[in-house]
Amino acid sequence: MDGSVRLGGRAGAAAPGRKVSVAEAARREAFVDPPARRNRVWQADFTTFETTSEGTWRLCPVVDCATKLVLACPLATTQGATGLIFALHSAVEAAEALLGRPLVVDCVDACHTSRPTHARNRLWTQQN
C-alpha cells in the first residue's frame, strides 16, 4: 500500500477517485468542516516505540490541525497526565513564540461570541 486511499463523492470529500493520504482521509472523517484557522483545534496522542538498547520511549506530539504544524513533541519514559500537560504547555509556548503575542487573545476571540463578552474582550485586549 502506498499510504493513500480513494474517497468517493460524499460531501466535503476530494474529487471522486482522487488519491489522498491516509491522514487527510482521517481528518475528513473527523471533521465535517475542517478547521481553517490556526490555534483552533490541536491534536495530541502518545506514541510508543522500543529501542534495541534503551527500552521503551514515549513521544507526545501536539499538532495544529489547520496548519499541520507540530508545536511540541516531548520525549518521556512514562505515559500519563503529567506528560500530556507538559506537552500542552510546551505547545502553548511554541504557539506564542510563533505569534509574537499571548495565545489567550486568539482563544478569547474564538470562544466568546456574545456582544457583552466581545466588548469586555476588546477592553481587556486594549488594556494588555
C-alpha atoms as a PDB file:
ATOM      1  CA  MET A   1       0.000   0.000   0.000  1.00  0.00           C
ATOM      2  CA  ASP A   2       1.317   3.463  -0.870  1.00  0.00           C
ATOM      3  CA  GLY A   3      -0.211   5.288   2.144  1.00  0.00           C
ATOM      4  CA  SER A   4      -3.142   6.743   0.234  1.00  0.00           C
ATOM      5  CA  VAL A   5      -6.833   5.957  -0.129  1.00  0.00           C
ATOM      6  CA  ARG A   6      -9.524   6.811  -2.623  1.00  0.00           C
ATOM      7  CA  LEU A   7     -12.521   8.800  -1.450  1.00  0.00           C
ATOM      8  CA  GLY A   8     -15.934   8.602  -3.018  1.00  0.00           C
ATOM      9  CA  GLY A   9     -18.193  11.521  -3.863  1.00  0.00           C
ATOM     10  CA  ARG A  10     -19.534  12.332  -0.388  1.00  0.00           C
ATOM     11  CA  ALA A  11     -19.948  15.933   0.734  1.00  0.00           C
ATOM     12  CA  GLY A  12     -16.680  17.544   1.783  1.00  0.00           C
ATOM     13  CA  ALA A  13     -14.590  14.819   0.134  1.00  0.00           C
ATOM     14  CA  ALA A  14     -11.960  15.240  -2.538  1.00  0.00           C
ATOM     15  CA  ALA A  15     -12.908  14.874  -6.166  1.00  0.00           C
ATOM     16  CA  PRO A  16     -14.212  11.334  -6.839  1.00  0.00           C
ATOM     17  CA  GLY A  17     -11.347   8.937  -7.467  1.00  0.00           C
ATOM     18  CA  ARG A  18      -8.629  11.381  -6.338  1.00  0.00           C
ATOM     19  CA  LYS A  19      -5.976   9.782  -4.136  1.00  0.00           C
ATOM     20  CA  VAL A  20      -5.495  11.373  -0.727  1.00  0.00           C
ATOM     21  CA  SER A  21      -3.199  10.460   2.148  1.00  0.00           C
ATOM     22  CA  VAL A  22      -4.464   8.294   4.959  1.00  0.00           C
ATOM     23  CA  ALA A  23      -4.008  11.243   7.355  1.00  0.00           C
ATOM     24  CA  GLU A  24      -6.104  13.522   5.123  1.00  0.00           C
ATOM     25  CA  ALA A  25      -8.818  10.872   4.886  1.00  0.00           C
ATOM     26  CA  ALA A  26      -8.856  10.543   8.694  1.00  0.00           C
ATOM     27  CA  ARG A  27      -9.130  14.356   9.096  1.00  0.00           C
ATOM     28  CA  ARG A  28     -12.024  14.440   6.629  1.00  0.00           C
ATOM     29  CA  GLU A  29     -13.781  11.715   8.613  1.00  0.00           C
ATOM     30  CA  ALA A  30     -13.209  13.513  11.946  1.00  0.00           C
ATOM     31  CA  PHE A  31     -14.401  16.983  10.870  1.00  0.00           C
ATOM     32  CA  VAL A  32     -17.490  17.929   8.907  1.00  0.00           C
ATOM     33  CA  ASP A  33     -15.888  21.358   8.452  1.00  0.00           C
ATOM     34  CA  PRO A  34     -12.116  21.009   8.994  1.00  0.00           C
ATOM     35  CA  PRO A  35     -10.531  23.857  10.969  1.00  0.00           C
ATOM     36  CA  ALA A  36      -9.338  26.600   8.639  1.00  0.00           C
ATOM     37  CA  ARG A  37      -7.527  28.829  11.164  1.00  0.00           C
ATOM     38  CA  ARG A  38      -4.528  28.052  13.323  1.00  0.00           C
ATOM     39  CA  ASN A  39      -4.793  27.502  17.083  1.00  0.00           C
ATOM     40  CA  ARG A  40      -8.444  26.425  16.952  1.00  0.00           C
ATOM     41  CA  VAL A  41      -8.023  22.627  17.129  1.00  0.00           C
ATOM     42  CA  TRP A  42      -4.952  20.791  18.362  1.00  0.00           C
ATOM     43  CA  GLN A  43      -4.424  17.062  18.447  1.00  0.00           C
ATOM     44  CA  ALA A  44      -2.173  15.169  20.877  1.00  0.00           C
ATOM     45  CA  ASP A  45      -1.504  11.497  21.376  1.00  0.00           C
ATOM     46  CA  PHE A  46       1.184   9.307  22.892  1.00  0.00           C
ATOM     47  CA  THR A  47       3.335   7.259  20.535  1.00  0.00           C
ATOM     48  CA  THR A  48       5.373   4.413  21.997  1.00  0.00           C
ATOM     49  CA  PHE A  49       8.439   2.851  20.446  1.00  0.00           C
ATOM     50  CA  GLU A  50      11.054   0.408  21.635  1.00  0.00           C
ATOM     51  CA  THR A  51      14.774   0.711  21.101  1.00  0.00           C
ATOM     52  CA  THR A  52      17.316  -2.084  20.981  1.00  0.00           C
ATOM     53  CA  SER A  53      19.283  -0.787  23.958  1.00  0.00           C
ATOM     54  CA  GLU A  54      17.364   1.883  25.875  1.00  0.00           C
ATOM     55  CA  GLY A  55      13.968   0.286  26.458  1.00  0.00           C
ATOM     56  CA  THR A  56      10.663   1.995  25.692  1.00  0.00           C
ATOM     57  CA  TRP A  57      10.280   5.687  24.883  1.00  0.00           C
ATOM     58  CA  ARG A  58       7.118   7.729  24.532  1.00  0.00           C
ATOM     59  CA  LEU A  59       6.543  10.809  22.397  1.00  0.00           C
ATOM     60  CA  CYS A  60       3.582  13.142  22.780  1.00  0.00           C
ATOM     61  CA  PRO A  61       3.345  15.316  19.661  1.00  0.00           C
ATOM     62  CA  VAL A  62       0.893  18.235  19.705  1.00  0.00           C
ATOM     63  CA  VAL A  63      -0.223  19.157  16.177  1.00  0.00           C
ATOM     64  CA  ASP A  64      -2.256  22.150  14.997  1.00  0.00           C
ATOM     65  CA  CYS A  65      -4.947  20.590  12.778  1.00  0.00           C
ATOM     66  CA  ALA A  66      -5.263  23.588  10.435  1.00  0.00           C
ATOM     67  CA  THR A  67      -1.582  24.190   9.713  1.00  0.00           C
ATOM     68  CA  LYS A  68      -0.437  20.601  10.369  1.00  0.00           C
ATOM     69  CA  LEU A  69       2.459  22.080  12.338  1.00  0.00           C
ATOM     70  CA  VAL A  70       3.960  20.090  15.215  1.00  0.00           C
ATOM     71  CA  LEU A  71       4.059  22.617  18.054  1.00  0.00           C
ATOM     72  CA  ALA A  72       5.701  20.328  20.618  1.00  0.00           C
ATOM     73  CA  CYS A  73       6.896  16.745  20.846  1.00  0.00           C
ATOM     74  CA  PRO A  74       8.437  15.973  24.243  1.00  0.00           C
ATOM     75  CA  LEU A  75      10.126  12.632  24.870  1.00  0.00           C
ATOM     76  CA  ALA A  76       9.464  10.710  28.104  1.00  0.00           C
ATOM     77  CA  THR A  77       9.798   7.277  29.638  1.00  0.00           C
ATOM     78  CA  THR A  78       6.261   7.259  31.042  1.00  0.00           C
ATOM     79  CA  GLN A  79       2.827   7.939  29.621  1.00  0.00           C
ATOM     80  CA  GLY A  80       0.473   9.907  31.827  1.00  0.00           C
ATOM     81  CA  ALA A  81      -1.379  13.107  32.552  1.00  0.00           C
ATOM     82  CA  THR A  82       1.749  14.995  33.615  1.00  0.00           C
ATOM     83  CA  GLY A  83       3.415  14.179  30.283  1.00  0.00           C
ATOM     84  CA  LEU A  84       0.383  15.411  28.364  1.00  0.00           C
ATOM     85  CA  ILE A  85       0.168  18.595  30.437  1.00  0.00           C
ATOM     86  CA  PHE A  86       3.868  19.254  29.811  1.00  0.00           C
ATOM     87  CA  ALA A  87       3.340  18.714  26.058  1.00  0.00           C
ATOM     88  CA  LEU A  88       0.394  21.137  26.007  1.00  0.00           C
ATOM     89  CA  HIS A  89       2.311  23.794  27.965  1.00  0.00           C
ATOM     90  CA  SER A  90       5.208  23.401  25.528  1.00  0.00           C
ATOM     91  CA  ALA A  91       2.802  23.758  22.590  1.00  0.00           C
ATOM     92  CA  VAL A  92       1.303  26.944  24.055  1.00  0.00           C
ATOM     93  CA  GLU A  93       4.800  28.418  24.481  1.00  0.00           C
ATOM     94  CA  ALA A  94       5.697  27.486  20.879  1.00  0.00           C
ATOM     95  CA  ALA A  95       2.464  28.961  19.502  1.00  0.00           C
ATOM     96  CA  GLU A  96       3.021  32.198  21.440  1.00  0.00           C
ATOM     97  CA  ALA A  97       6.601  32.407  20.149  1.00  0.00           C
ATOM     98  CA  LEU A  98       5.358  31.967  16.576  1.00  0.00           C
ATOM     99  CA  LEU A  99       2.618  34.586  17.021  1.00  0.00           C
ATOM    100  CA  GLY A 100       4.778  37.014  18.969  1.00  0.00           C
ATOM    101  CA  ARG A 101       1.950  37.577  21.462  1.00  0.00           C
ATOM    102  CA  PRO A 102      -0.059  35.673  24.077  1.00  0.00           C
ATOM    103  CA  LEU A 103      -2.222  32.883  22.706  1.00  0.00           C
ATOM    104  CA  VAL A 104      -5.100  33.751  25.031  1.00  0.00           C
ATOM    105  CA  VAL A 105      -6.133  36.624  22.709  1.00  0.00           C
ATOM    106  CA  ASP A 106      -6.842  34.117  19.907  1.00  0.00           C
ATOM    107  CA  CYS A 107      -8.743  31.831  22.282  1.00  0.00           C
ATOM    108  CA  VAL A 108     -10.873  34.646  23.680  1.00  0.00           C
ATOM    109  CA  ASP A 109     -11.823  35.845  20.195  1.00  0.00           C
ATOM    110  CA  ALA A 110     -12.712  32.320  19.052  1.00  0.00           C
ATOM    111  CA  CYS A 111     -14.639  31.151  22.116  1.00  0.00           C
ATOM    112  CA  HIS A 112     -16.839  34.095  23.056  1.00  0.00           C
ATOM    113  CA  THR A 113     -19.393  35.491  20.645  1.00  0.00           C
ATOM    114  CA  SER A 114     -21.938  37.440  22.696  1.00  0.00           C
ATOM    115  CA  ARG A 115     -21.936  41.247  22.446  1.00  0.00           C
ATOM    116  CA  PRO A 116     -21.230  41.947  26.158  1.00  0.00           C
ATOM    117  CA  THR A 117     -18.397  39.405  26.076  1.00  0.00           C
ATOM    118  CA  HIS A 118     -16.963  40.939  22.881  1.00  0.00           C
ATOM    119  CA  ALA A 119     -16.991  44.396  24.471  1.00  0.00           C
ATOM    120  CA  ARG A 120     -15.303  43.070  27.608  1.00  0.00           C
ATOM    121  CA  ASN A 121     -12.719  41.194  25.489  1.00  0.00           C
ATOM    122  CA  ARG A 122     -11.919  44.294  23.429  1.00  0.00           C
ATOM    123  CA  LEU A 123     -11.427  46.272  26.631  1.00  0.00           C
ATOM    124  CA  TRP A 124      -9.187  43.533  28.082  1.00  0.00           C
ATOM    125  CA  THR A 125      -7.169  43.329  24.835  1.00  0.00           C
ATOM    126  CA  GLN A 126      -6.688  47.119  24.726  1.00  0.00           C
ATOM    127  CA  GLN A 127      -5.527  47.205  28.336  1.00  0.00           C
ATOM    128  CA  ASN A 128      -2.998  44.374  27.851  1.00  0.00           C
END
